[in-house]
Amino acid sequence: MNNQIKLTDFPINIDTICFKLNVYLAKKCYSDWENKYKFYQTIRFINGSRVSIRYYSFYRCLSVYVDSLPGLMYGNSQVLYKSRDYFLFKRLIADLINSVTGLNEFELDIFDYAKIVRFDINQDYYFSSKSNERKFREWLSKFCMPYAKSNIYTSGHKNGTKSTNITCYSKDEQLKTKYKEFNNPYDKRCFCTRIEFQLKANYWKSEKLYLINALSNSFAKDTYFNLMLNKVHLCGTVMNSSRFYNFVKKVQQNKRKDYAKNIKKFYYELSKSGFNVMKKLPSYKNYIKYSVNSGKIPIKLDDNVYKEIAEFKDIYYSENF
């Protein structure tokens, strides 16, 4: 087992996705939809995943919101989306839009350059211990995005800005009810934390992301997940206690005495308080720069939690699930 753990070692999935098409629809195509203030809307369910279709007549814009891409495709949000299924995705969406509009004019290629305005990417971490699952979420809560507002709730927390969110929450109940197949003889995983990054319309002001780029390219989700991890200082090797103490010891050996003393104090306090508190210190950027250059995540993770995610890393998803 490789005990050098990075969060990017774990599978990355796509969840919610929303995209827009510039098309003209005659009134008869949407007249029986729900009439909202600025748009007309109809909602359908495919494999248990909610698909909301909106038409903004003034802007001649069709918006498609898919609550769970894996749910839509495979009937289960825990299954990894496969880029080779992009054609099937377009087929499902084309058939649905043709059905609700009464048309037969939406061909598959029209979706390739639909603009994405929301893109949710996530990772699921499984545990056999509820205590470890809770400690993992507490560890994640110590990280934050610049200028983000924080919300804490019973089963998780959310750090958000107008264009991006990071949400960490427990999926235990869903595993026990919706995804009963996870309770099988060879698999003891019964507790789950999901880390989810949500990229919204404002994020794409300087860059356009099209459906074909996001869903037909198996590396797209990894690229954006890495960008978001970097925002919350989660890029690098995760440190358990022994690695953390070695990290601090190495700093002391390589730096002048007064700096080593301060940086040792900083990282110990960082593990207690998290970034929201420590980023207010004048020396914050210097210390974080050091950890970034070292490729380390500077908040130590509980040894038992570290051990459990390391054990489950290699059996994270079965190929047939």
C-alpha atoms as a PDB file:
ATOM      1  CA  MET A   1       0.000   0.000   0.000  1.00  0.00           C
ATOM      2  CA  ASN A   2       1.350   3.405  -0.945  1.00  0.00           C
ATOM      3  CA  ASN A   3       1.233   5.585   2.164  1.00  0.00           C
ATOM      4  CA  GLN A   4       1.944   8.818   0.294  1.00  0.00           C
ATOM      5  CA  ILE A   5      -1.638  10.049  -0.009  1.00  0.00           C
ATOM      6  CA  LYS A   6      -2.927  12.951  -2.077  1.00  0.00           C
ATOM      7  CA  LEU A   7      -6.608  13.782  -2.508  1.00  0.00           C
ATOM      8  CA  THR A   8      -6.054  13.638  -6.265  1.00  0.00           C
ATOM      9  CA  ASP A   9      -5.288   9.910  -5.879  1.00  0.00           C
ATOM     10  CA  PHE A  10      -9.014   9.310  -5.417  1.00  0.00           C
ATOM     11  CA  PRO A  11     -11.547   9.123  -8.265  1.00  0.00           C
ATOM     12  CA  ILE A  12     -13.176  12.402  -9.300  1.00  0.00           C
ATOM     13  CA  ASN A  13     -16.770  12.446 -10.469  1.00  0.00           C
ATOM     14  CA  ILE A  14     -19.143  14.907 -12.145  1.00  0.00           C
ATOM     15  CA  ASP A  15     -22.476  15.519 -10.429  1.00  0.00           C
ATOM     16  CA  THR A  16     -24.752  18.463 -11.251  1.00  0.00           C
ATOM     17  CA  ILE A  17     -24.374  20.168 -14.608  1.00  0.00           C
ATOM     18  CA  CYS A  18     -26.294  23.047 -16.204  1.00  0.00           C
ATOM     19  CA  PHE A  19     -25.829  24.288 -19.763  1.00  0.00           C
ATOM     20  CA  LYS A  20     -27.498  26.725 -22.146  1.00  0.00           C
ATOM     21  CA  LEU A  21     -28.336  26.724 -25.859  1.00  0.00           C
ATOM     22  CA  ASN A  22     -29.243  29.733 -27.969  1.00  0.00           C
ATOM     23  CA  VAL A  23     -32.329  28.502 -29.819  1.00  0.00           C
ATOM     24  CA  TYR A  24     -35.697  29.858 -30.882  1.00  0.00           C
ATOM     25  CA  LEU A  25     -38.822  27.967 -29.831  1.00  0.00           C
ATOM     26  CA  ALA A  26     -42.326  28.749 -31.028  1.00  0.00           C
ATOM     27  CA  LYS A  27     -44.871  29.462 -28.279  1.00  0.00           C
ATOM     28  CA  LYS A  28     -46.646  26.133 -28.886  1.00  0.00           C
ATOM     29  CA  CYS A  29     -43.461  24.260 -27.870  1.00  0.00           C
ATOM     30  CA  TYR A  30     -43.563  25.485 -24.271  1.00  0.00           C
ATOM     31  CA  SER A  31     -47.088  26.874 -23.740  1.00  0.00           C
ATOM     32  CA  ASP A  32     -48.075  24.007 -21.408  1.00  0.00           C
ATOM     33  CA  TRP A  33     -44.940  24.355 -19.242  1.00  0.00           C
ATOM     34  CA  GLU A  34     -45.000  26.040 -15.836  1.00  0.00           C
ATOM     35  CA  ASN A  35     -45.028  29.803 -16.347  1.00  0.00           C
ATOM     36  CA  LYS A  36     -42.440  31.499 -14.145  1.00  0.00           C
ATOM     37  CA  TYR A  37     -41.576  35.211 -13.950  1.00  0.00           C
ATOM     38  CA  LYS A  38     -38.747  35.204 -16.510  1.00  0.00           C
ATOM     39  CA  PHE A  39     -38.991  31.749 -18.031  1.00  0.00           C
ATOM     40  CA  TYR A  40     -41.094  28.669 -18.729  1.00  0.00           C
ATOM     41  CA  GLN A  41     -40.114  25.447 -17.037  1.00  0.00           C
ATOM     42  CA  THR A  42     -40.816  21.732 -17.222  1.00  0.00           C
ATOM     43  CA  ILE A  43     -39.270  19.040 -15.020  1.00  0.00           C
ATOM     44  CA  ARG A  44     -38.741  15.380 -15.849  1.00  0.00           C
ATOM     45  CA  PHE A  45     -37.101  12.478 -14.012  1.00  0.00           C
ATOM     46  CA  ILE A  46     -34.791  10.011 -15.751  1.00  0.00           C
ATOM     47  CA  ASN A  47     -33.417   7.122 -13.667  1.00  0.00           C
ATOM     48  CA  GLY A  48     -34.355   9.120 -10.576  1.00  0.00           C
ATOM     49  CA  SER A  49     -32.327  12.167 -11.628  1.00  0.00           C
ATOM     50  CA  ARG A  50     -34.216  15.454 -11.942  1.00  0.00           C
ATOM     51  CA  VAL A  51     -33.827  17.262 -15.255  1.00  0.00           C
ATOM     52  CA  SER A  52     -35.154  20.811 -15.381  1.00  0.00           C
ATOM     53  CA  ILE A  53     -35.677  22.421 -18.801  1.00  0.00           C
ATOM     54  CA  ARG A  54     -36.236  26.162 -18.929  1.00  0.00           C
ATOM     55  CA  TYR A  55     -36.913  28.441 -21.859  1.00  0.00           C
ATOM     56  CA  TYR A  56     -36.191  32.174 -21.650  1.00  0.00           C
ATOM     57  CA  SER A  57     -38.268  33.478 -24.551  1.00  0.00           C
ATOM     58  CA  PHE A  58     -36.904  37.045 -24.431  1.00  0.00           C
ATOM     59  CA  TYR A  59     -33.314  35.791 -24.716  1.00  0.00           C
ATOM     60  CA  ARG A  60     -34.182  32.845 -26.973  1.00  0.00           C
ATOM     61  CA  CYS A  61     -32.255  30.636 -24.576  1.00  0.00           C
ATOM     62  CA  LEU A  62     -32.892  27.024 -23.564  1.00  0.00           C
ATOM     63  CA  SER A  63     -31.393  25.967 -20.228  1.00  0.00           C
ATOM     64  CA  VAL A  64     -30.960  22.319 -19.201  1.00  0.00           C
ATOM     65  CA  TYR A  65     -30.219  21.492 -15.561  1.00  0.00           C
ATOM     66  CA  VAL A  66     -29.264  17.899 -14.688  1.00  0.00           C
ATOM     67  CA  ASP A  67     -29.355  17.275 -10.947  1.00  0.00           C
ATOM     68  CA  SER A  68     -27.075  14.218 -11.100  1.00  0.00           C
ATOM     69  CA  LEU A  69     -25.194  13.226 -14.236  1.00  0.00           C
ATOM     70  CA  PRO A  70     -24.292   9.697 -12.977  1.00  0.00           C
ATOM     71  CA  GLY A  71     -27.862   9.330 -11.715  1.00  0.00           C
ATOM     72  CA  LEU A  72     -29.191  10.209 -15.150  1.00  0.00           C
ATOM     73  CA  MET A  73     -26.771   7.863 -16.906  1.00  0.00           C
ATOM     74  CA  TYR A  74     -26.533   4.916 -14.521  1.00  0.00           C
ATOM     75  CA  GLY A  75     -29.301   5.352 -11.942  1.00  0.00           C
ATOM     76  CA  ASN A  76     -26.805   5.921  -9.117  1.00  0.00           C
ATOM     77  CA  SER A  77     -24.845   9.051  -8.168  1.00  0.00           C
ATOM     78  CA  GLN A  78     -22.012   7.004  -6.647  1.00  0.00           C
ATOM     79  CA  VAL A  79     -21.010   5.549 -10.023  1.00  0.00           C
ATOM     80  CA  LEU A  80     -18.203   7.341 -11.856  1.00  0.00           C
ATOM     81  CA  TYR A  81     -19.221   9.114 -15.057  1.00  0.00           C
ATOM     82  CA  LYS A  82     -17.325   7.751 -18.057  1.00  0.00           C
ATOM     83  CA  SER A  83     -16.392  10.117 -20.890  1.00  0.00           C
ATOM     84  CA  ARG A  84     -17.019   7.351 -23.436  1.00  0.00           C
ATOM     85  CA  ASP A  85     -20.730   7.705 -22.571  1.00  0.00           C
ATOM     86  CA  TYR A  86     -20.901  11.292 -23.827  1.00  0.00           C
ATOM     87  CA  PHE A  87     -22.790  10.181 -26.958  1.00  0.00           C
ATOM     88  CA  LEU A  88     -25.364   8.388 -24.780  1.00  0.00           C
ATOM     89  CA  PHE A  89     -25.772  11.531 -22.658  1.00  0.00           C
ATOM     90  CA  LYS A  90     -26.485  13.637 -25.743  1.00  0.00           C
ATOM     91  CA  ARG A  91     -28.953  11.019 -26.967  1.00  0.00           C
ATOM     92  CA  LEU A  92     -30.873  11.083 -23.666  1.00  0.00           C
ATOM     93  CA  ILE A  93     -31.017  14.898 -23.608  1.00  0.00           C
ATOM     94  CA  ALA A  94     -31.971  15.198 -27.285  1.00  0.00           C
ATOM     95  CA  ASP A  95     -34.782  12.662 -26.886  1.00  0.00           C
ATOM     96  CA  LEU A  96     -36.043  14.450 -23.782  1.00  0.00           C
ATOM     97  CA  ILE A  97     -36.057  17.933 -25.356  1.00  0.00           C
ATOM     98  CA  ASN A  98     -37.700  16.654 -28.535  1.00  0.00           C
ATOM     99  CA  SER A  99     -40.336  14.974 -26.375  1.00  0.00           C
ATOM    100  CA  VAL A 100     -41.199  18.003 -24.208  1.00  0.00           C
ATOM    101  CA  THR A 101     -41.196  20.480 -27.114  1.00  0.00           C
ATOM    102  CA  GLY A 102     -43.056  18.228 -29.557  1.00  0.00           C
ATOM    103  CA  LEU A 103     -40.261  18.697 -32.071  1.00  0.00           C
ATOM    104  CA  ASN A 104     -37.869  16.308 -33.735  1.00  0.00           C
ATOM    105  CA  GLU A 105     -35.218  18.859 -34.622  1.00  0.00           C
ATOM    106  CA  PHE A 106     -32.611  18.588 -31.859  1.00  0.00           C
ATOM    107  CA  GLU A 107     -29.716  16.621 -33.313  1.00  0.00           C
ATOM    108  CA  LEU A 108     -26.839  15.445 -31.126  1.00  0.00           C
ATOM    109  CA  ASP A 109     -24.185  17.812 -32.497  1.00  0.00           C
ATOM    110  CA  ILE A 110     -26.110  20.886 -31.355  1.00  0.00           C
ATOM    111  CA  PHE A 111     -25.142  20.118 -27.748  1.00  0.00           C
ATOM    112  CA  ASP A 112     -21.366  20.018 -28.270  1.00  0.00           C
ATOM    113  CA  TYR A 113     -20.912  23.775 -27.907  1.00  0.00           C
ATOM    114  CA  ALA A 114     -23.617  24.415 -25.361  1.00  0.00           C
ATOM    115  CA  LYS A 115     -22.182  26.718 -22.689  1.00  0.00           C
ATOM    116  CA  ILE A 116     -21.866  25.276 -19.204  1.00  0.00           C
ATOM    117  CA  VAL A 117     -23.032  27.658 -16.462  1.00  0.00           C
ATOM    118  CA  ARG A 118     -22.763  25.235 -13.549  1.00  0.00           C
ATOM    119  CA  PHE A 119     -20.382  22.339 -13.124  1.00  0.00           C
ATOM    120  CA  ASP A 120     -20.217  20.263  -9.906  1.00  0.00           C
ATOM    121  CA  ILE A 121     -17.276  17.895  -9.406  1.00  0.00           C
ATOM    122  CA  ASN A 122     -16.832  15.697  -6.366  1.00  0.00           C
ATOM    123  CA  GLN A 123     -15.074  12.913  -4.526  1.00  0.00           C
ATOM    124  CA  ASP A 124     -16.535  10.363  -2.120  1.00  0.00           C
ATOM    125  CA  TYR A 125     -14.540   9.019   0.833  1.00  0.00           C
ATOM    126  CA  TYR A 126     -15.711   5.818   2.511  1.00  0.00           C
ATOM    127  CA  PHE A 127     -15.182   4.741   6.112  1.00  0.00           C
ATOM    128  CA  SER A 128     -16.030   1.754   8.274  1.00  0.00           C
ATOM    129  CA  SER A 129     -15.973   4.034  11.332  1.00  0.00           C
ATOM    130  CA  LYS A 130     -18.472   6.864  11.812  1.00  0.00           C
ATOM    131  CA  SER A 131     -16.028   8.549  14.162  1.00  0.00           C
ATOM    132  CA  ASN A 132     -13.373   8.635  11.436  1.00  0.00           C
ATOM    133  CA  GLU A 133     -15.866   9.927   8.870  1.00  0.00           C
ATOM    134  CA  ARG A 134     -16.787  12.763  11.239  1.00  0.00           C
ATOM    135  CA  LYS A 135     -13.154  13.574  11.996  1.00  0.00           C
ATOM    136  CA  PHE A 136     -12.408  13.716   8.278  1.00  0.00           C
ATOM    137  CA  ARG A 137     -15.157  16.323   7.781  1.00  0.00           C
ATOM    138  CA  GLU A 138     -13.851  18.295  10.762  1.00  0.00           C
ATOM    139  CA  TRP A 139     -10.384  18.265   9.178  1.00  0.00           C
ATOM    140  CA  LEU A 140     -11.810  19.507   5.872  1.00  0.00           C
ATOM    141  CA  SER A 141     -13.664  22.305   7.652  1.00  0.00           C
ATOM    142  CA  LYS A 142     -10.311  23.849   8.591  1.00  0.00           C
ATOM    143  CA  PHE A 143      -9.626  24.699   4.948  1.00  0.00           C
ATOM    144  CA  CYS A 144     -11.258  27.628   3.171  1.00  0.00           C
ATOM    145  CA  MET A 145     -11.441  29.696   0.010  1.00  0.00           C
ATOM    146  CA  PRO A 146     -10.363  33.340  -0.127  1.00  0.00           C
ATOM    147  CA  TYR A 147     -13.263  35.744   0.583  1.00  0.00           C
ATOM    148  CA  ALA A 148     -15.690  32.842   1.070  1.00  0.00           C
ATOM    149  CA  LYS A 149     -18.573  32.797   3.510  1.00  0.00           C
ATOM    150  CA  SER A 150     -18.867  29.733   5.732  1.00  0.00           C
ATOM    151  CA  ASN A 151     -21.994  27.849   6.760  1.00  0.00           C
ATOM    152  CA  ILE A 152     -21.923  24.964   9.215  1.00  0.00           C
ATOM    153  CA  TYR A 153     -24.770  22.459   9.422  1.00  0.00           C
ATOM    154  CA  THR A 154     -25.388  19.135  11.176  1.00  0.00           C
ATOM    155  CA  SER A 155     -23.921  16.809   8.573  1.00  0.00           C
ATOM    156  CA  GLY A 156     -21.341  19.093   6.953  1.00  0.00           C
ATOM    157  CA  HIS A 157     -20.257  22.584   5.990  1.00  0.00           C
ATOM    158  CA  LYS A 158     -20.130  24.938   3.022  1.00  0.00           C
ATOM    159  CA  ASN A 159     -17.584  27.556   1.975  1.00  0.00           C
ATOM    160  CA  GLY A 160     -18.887  29.742  -0.827  1.00  0.00           C
ATOM    161  CA  THR A 161     -18.460  32.795  -3.037  1.00  0.00           C
ATOM    162  CA  LYS A 162     -20.669  34.025  -5.895  1.00  0.00           C
ATOM    163  CA  SER A 163     -18.852  31.844  -8.404  1.00  0.00           C
ATOM    164  CA  THR A 164     -17.560  28.843  -6.466  1.00  0.00           C
ATOM    165  CA  ASN A 165     -18.510  26.649  -3.519  1.00  0.00           C
ATOM    166  CA  ILE A 166     -16.852  23.833  -1.647  1.00  0.00           C
ATOM    167  CA  THR A 167     -19.282  21.642   0.277  1.00  0.00           C
ATOM    168  CA  CYS A 168     -18.412  18.698   2.519  1.00  0.00           C
ATOM    169  CA  TYR A 169     -21.235  16.544   3.787  1.00  0.00           C
ATOM    170  CA  SER A 170     -22.127  13.061   4.985  1.00  0.00           C
ATOM    171  CA  LYS A 171     -23.880  10.684   2.596  1.00  0.00           C
ATOM    172  CA  ASP A 172     -24.479   7.921   5.151  1.00  0.00           C
ATOM    173  CA  GLU A 173     -28.243   7.836   4.826  1.00  0.00           C
ATOM    174  CA  GLN A 174     -28.141   7.654   1.038  1.00  0.00           C
ATOM    175  CA  LEU A 175     -25.709   4.743   1.221  1.00  0.00           C
ATOM    176  CA  LYS A 176     -28.057   2.870   3.525  1.00  0.00           C
ATOM    177  CA  THR A 177     -31.246   3.585   1.569  1.00  0.00           C
ATOM    178  CA  LYS A 178     -30.674   4.447  -2.092  1.00  0.00           C
ATOM    179  CA  TYR A 179     -27.401   2.555  -2.560  1.00  0.00           C
ATOM    180  CA  LYS A 180     -27.995  -0.688  -0.695  1.00  0.00           C
ATOM    181  CA  GLU A 181     -25.684  -2.568  -3.053  1.00  0.00           C
ATOM    182  CA  PHE A 182     -22.762  -1.015  -1.158  1.00  0.00           C
ATOM    183  CA  ASN A 183     -23.636  -3.281   1.774  1.00  0.00           C
ATOM    184  CA  ASN A 184     -22.154  -6.412   0.248  1.00  0.00           C
ATOM    185  CA  PRO A 185     -19.997  -9.171   1.802  1.00  0.00           C
ATOM    186  CA  TYR A 186     -16.622  -7.880   0.586  1.00  0.00           C
ATOM    187  CA  ASP A 187     -17.248  -4.238   1.332  1.00  0.00           C
ATOM    188  CA  LYS A 188     -17.380  -2.853   4.895  1.00  0.00           C
ATOM    189  CA  ARG A 189     -17.802   0.763   3.785  1.00  0.00           C
ATOM    190  CA  CYS A 190     -20.957   2.135   5.337  1.00  0.00           C
ATOM    191  CA  PHE A 191     -20.074   5.760   6.038  1.00  0.00           C
ATOM    192  CA  CYS A 192     -19.286   8.347   3.408  1.00  0.00           C
ATOM    193  CA  THR A 193     -18.122  11.971   3.147  1.00  0.00           C
ATOM    194  CA  ARG A 194     -18.519  13.818  -0.123  1.00  0.00           C
ATOM    195  CA  ILE A 195     -16.311  16.765  -1.102  1.00  0.00           C
ATOM    196  CA  GLU A 196     -18.002  18.779  -3.815  1.00  0.00           C
ATOM    197  CA  PHE A 197     -16.808  21.813  -5.748  1.00  0.00           C
ATOM    198  CA  GLN A 198     -19.472  23.865  -7.479  1.00  0.00           C
ATOM    199  CA  LEU A 199     -18.409  26.202 -10.279  1.00  0.00           C
ATOM    200  CA  LYS A 200     -21.109  28.664 -11.316  1.00  0.00           C
ATOM    201  CA  ALA A 201     -21.729  31.140 -14.151  1.00  0.00           C
ATOM    202  CA  ASN A 202     -19.473  33.901 -12.779  1.00  0.00           C
ATOM    203  CA  TYR A 203     -16.525  31.521 -12.912  1.00  0.00           C
ATOM    204  CA  TRP A 204     -16.761  31.338 -16.692  1.00  0.00           C
ATOM    205  CA  LYS A 205     -16.588  35.094 -17.371  1.00  0.00           C
ATOM    206  CA  SER A 206     -13.006  34.862 -18.594  1.00  0.00           C
ATOM    207  CA  GLU A 207     -13.245  31.339 -19.933  1.00  0.00           C
ATOM    208  CA  LYS A 208     -15.987  29.406 -21.711  1.00  0.00           C
ATOM    209  CA  LEU A 209     -16.466  25.740 -20.927  1.00  0.00           C
ATOM    210  CA  TYR A 210     -18.453  23.784 -23.477  1.00  0.00           C
ATOM    211  CA  LEU A 211     -20.238  20.494 -23.020  1.00  0.00           C
ATOM    212  CA  ILE A 212     -17.948  18.618 -25.403  1.00  0.00           C
ATOM    213  CA  ASN A 213     -14.855  19.785 -23.487  1.00  0.00           C
ATOM    214  CA  ALA A 214     -16.228  18.831 -20.088  1.00  0.00           C
ATOM    215  CA  LEU A 215     -17.962  15.519 -20.837  1.00  0.00           C
ATOM    216  CA  SER A 216     -16.019  13.922 -23.695  1.00  0.00           C
ATOM    217  CA  ASN A 217     -12.597  14.586 -22.175  1.00  0.00           C
ATOM    218  CA  SER A 218     -11.762  12.279 -19.281  1.00  0.00           C
ATOM    219  CA  PHE A 219      -9.164  14.742 -17.930  1.00  0.00           C
ATOM    220  CA  ALA A 220     -11.402  17.834 -17.772  1.00  0.00           C
ATOM    221  CA  LYS A 221     -12.909  17.041 -14.391  1.00  0.00           C
ATOM    222  CA  ASP A 222      -9.438  16.288 -12.976  1.00  0.00           C
ATOM    223  CA  THR A 223      -8.093  19.612 -14.250  1.00  0.00           C
ATOM    224  CA  TYR A 224     -10.859  21.681 -12.645  1.00  0.00           C
ATOM    225  CA  PHE A 225     -10.775  19.655  -9.435  1.00  0.00           C
ATOM    226  CA  ASN A 226      -7.056  20.361  -9.130  1.00  0.00           C
ATOM    227  CA  LEU A 227      -7.652  24.071  -9.674  1.00  0.00           C
ATOM    228  CA  MET A 228     -10.206  24.108  -6.885  1.00  0.00           C
ATOM    229  CA  LEU A 229      -8.040  22.067  -4.522  1.00  0.00           C
ATOM    230  CA  ASN A 230      -5.350  24.659  -5.019  1.00  0.00           C
ATOM    231  CA  LYS A 231      -7.789  27.418  -4.028  1.00  0.00           C
ATOM    232  CA  VAL A 232      -8.434  25.781  -0.665  1.00  0.00           C
ATOM    233  CA  HIS A 233      -4.813  24.729  -0.052  1.00  0.00           C
ATOM    234  CA  LEU A 234      -5.576  21.016  -0.442  1.00  0.00           C
ATOM    235  CA  CYS A 235      -3.045  20.309  -3.202  1.00  0.00           C
ATOM    236  CA  GLY A 236      -0.128  18.218  -2.011  1.00  0.00           C
ATOM    237  CA  THR A 237       0.602  15.252   0.219  1.00  0.00           C
ATOM    238  CA  VAL A 238      -1.752  14.730   3.151  1.00  0.00           C
ATOM    239  CA  MET A 239       0.127  14.616   6.464  1.00  0.00           C
ATOM    240  CA  ASN A 240      -0.687  12.367   9.371  1.00  0.00           C
ATOM    241  CA  SER A 241       0.976  13.011  12.736  1.00  0.00           C
ATOM    242  CA  SER A 242       4.358  11.446  11.954  1.00  0.00           C
ATOM    243  CA  ARG A 243       4.625  13.217   8.597  1.00  0.00           C
ATOM    244  CA  PHE A 244       3.523  16.471  10.182  1.00  0.00           C
ATOM    245  CA  TYR A 245       6.184  16.293  12.905  1.00  0.00           C
ATOM    246  CA  ASN A 246       8.842  15.391  10.330  1.00  0.00           C
ATOM    247  CA  PHE A 247       7.728  18.348   8.225  1.00  0.00           C
ATOM    248  CA  VAL A 248       8.060  20.774  11.137  1.00  0.00           C
ATOM    249  CA  LYS A 249      11.393  19.223  12.152  1.00  0.00           C
ATOM    250  CA  LYS A 250      12.733  19.674   8.633  1.00  0.00           C
ATOM    251  CA  VAL A 251      11.681  23.326   8.664  1.00  0.00           C
ATOM    252  CA  GLN A 252      13.575  23.829  11.917  1.00  0.00           C
ATOM    253  CA  GLN A 253      16.722  22.287  10.452  1.00  0.00           C
ATOM    254  CA  ASN A 254      16.683  24.335   7.261  1.00  0.00           C
ATOM    255  CA  LYS A 255      15.675  27.750   8.572  1.00  0.00           C
ATOM    256  CA  ARG A 256      17.170  30.275  10.953  1.00  0.00           C
ATOM    257  CA  LYS A 257      16.269  29.794  14.595  1.00  0.00           C
ATOM    258  CA  ASP A 258      13.702  32.599  15.043  1.00  0.00           C
ATOM    259  CA  TYR A 259      11.884  31.733  11.786  1.00  0.00           C
ATOM    260  CA  ALA A 260      11.846  28.023  12.688  1.00  0.00           C
ATOM    261  CA  LYS A 261      10.326  28.829  16.060  1.00  0.00           C
ATOM    262  CA  ASN A 262       7.578  30.951  14.492  1.00  0.00           C
ATOM    263  CA  ILE A 263       6.760  28.501  11.724  1.00  0.00           C
ATOM    264  CA  LYS A 264       6.539  25.630  14.204  1.00  0.00           C
ATOM    265  CA  LYS A 265       4.094  27.637  16.292  1.00  0.00           C
ATOM    266  CA  PHE A 266       2.127  28.627  13.177  1.00  0.00           C
ATOM    267  CA  TYR A 267       1.580  25.075  11.927  1.00  0.00           C
ATOM    268  CA  TYR A 268       0.596  23.785  15.363  1.00  0.00           C
ATOM    269  CA  GLU A 269      -1.957  26.568  15.677  1.00  0.00           C
ATOM    270  CA  LEU A 270      -3.101  26.040  12.091  1.00  0.00           C
ATOM    271  CA  SER A 271      -3.981  22.420  12.910  1.00  0.00           C
ATOM    272  CA  LYS A 272      -6.111  23.646  15.806  1.00  0.00           C
ATOM    273  CA  SER A 273      -7.754  26.699  14.275  1.00  0.00           C
ATOM    274  CA  GLY A 274      -7.747  26.264  10.494  1.00  0.00           C
ATOM    275  CA  PHE A 275      -7.250  28.806   7.736  1.00  0.00           C
ATOM    276  CA  ASN A 276     -10.090  31.166   8.649  1.00  0.00           C
ATOM    277  CA  VAL A 277      -8.248  32.152  11.817  1.00  0.00           C
ATOM    278  CA  MET A 278      -4.640  31.848  10.662  1.00  0.00           C
ATOM    279  CA  LYS A 279      -5.021  33.804   7.414  1.00  0.00           C
ATOM    280  CA  LYS A 280      -5.402  36.964   9.526  1.00  0.00           C
ATOM    281  CA  LEU A 281      -1.797  36.710  10.725  1.00  0.00           C
ATOM    282  CA  PRO A 282       0.762  38.968   8.958  1.00  0.00           C
ATOM    283  CA  SER A 283       3.095  36.007   8.302  1.00  0.00           C
ATOM    284  CA  TYR A 284       0.343  33.771   6.891  1.00  0.00           C
ATOM    285  CA  LYS A 285       1.335  34.049   3.210  1.00  0.00           C
ATOM    286  CA  ASN A 286       5.003  33.283   3.881  1.00  0.00           C
ATOM    287  CA  TYR A 287       4.205  30.130   5.793  1.00  0.00           C
ATOM    288  CA  ILE A 288       1.691  28.899   3.236  1.00  0.00           C
ATOM    289  CA  LYS A 289       4.168  29.602   0.453  1.00  0.00           C
ATOM    290  CA  TYR A 290       6.658  27.357   2.219  1.00  0.00           C
ATOM    291  CA  SER A 291       4.170  24.485   2.489  1.00  0.00           C
ATOM    292  CA  VAL A 292       3.092  24.933  -1.153  1.00  0.00           C
ATOM    293  CA  ASN A 293       6.701  24.750  -2.307  1.00  0.00           C
ATOM    294  CA  SER A 294       7.150  21.639  -0.163  1.00  0.00           C
ATOM    295  CA  GLY A 295       4.080  19.997  -1.712  1.00  0.00           C
ATOM    296  CA  LYS A 296       2.530  19.346   1.712  1.00  0.00           C
ATOM    297  CA  ILE A 297      -0.925  19.943   3.122  1.00  0.00           C
ATOM    298  CA  PRO A 298      -0.031  21.776   6.350  1.00  0.00           C
ATOM    299  CA  ILE A 299      -2.919  20.620   8.583  1.00  0.00           C
ATOM    300  CA  LYS A 300      -2.271  17.187  10.051  1.00  0.00           C
ATOM    301  CA  LEU A 301      -4.913  14.479   9.682  1.00  0.00           C
ATOM    302  CA  ASP A 302      -5.775  12.092  12.530  1.00  0.00           C
ATOM    303  CA  ASP A 303      -3.719   8.876  12.265  1.00  0.00           C
ATOM    304  CA  ASN A 304      -6.741   6.555  12.311  1.00  0.00           C
ATOM    305  CA  VAL A 305      -8.515   8.564   9.613  1.00  0.00           C
ATOM    306  CA  TYR A 306      -5.360   8.626   7.505  1.00  0.00           C
ATOM    307  CA  LYS A 307      -4.985   4.861   7.867  1.00  0.00           C
ATOM    308  CA  GLU A 308      -8.590   4.185   6.861  1.00  0.00           C
ATOM    309  CA  ILE A 309      -8.622   6.303   3.719  1.00  0.00           C
ATOM    310  CA  ALA A 310      -5.288   4.718   2.764  1.00  0.00           C
ATOM    311  CA  GLU A 311      -6.784   1.232   3.149  1.00  0.00           C
ATOM    312  CA  PHE A 312      -9.833   2.057   1.057  1.00  0.00           C
ATOM    313  CA  LYS A 313      -7.937   3.966  -1.620  1.00  0.00           C
ATOM    314  CA  ASP A 314      -7.158   0.917  -3.761  1.00  0.00           C
ATOM    315  CA  ILE A 315     -10.678  -0.548  -3.584  1.00  0.00           C
ATOM    316  CA  TYR A 316     -12.468   2.773  -3.978  1.00  0.00           C
ATOM    317  CA  TYR A 317     -14.780   1.747  -6.787  1.00  0.00           C
ATOM    318  CA  SER A 318     -15.276  -1.668  -8.347  1.00  0.00           C
ATOM    319  CA  GLU A 319     -15.079  -1.710 -12.141  1.00  0.00           C
ATOM    320  CA  ASN A 320     -18.491  -3.341 -12.400  1.00  0.00           C
ATOM    321  CA  PHE A 321     -20.330  -0.929 -10.132  1.00  0.00           C
END
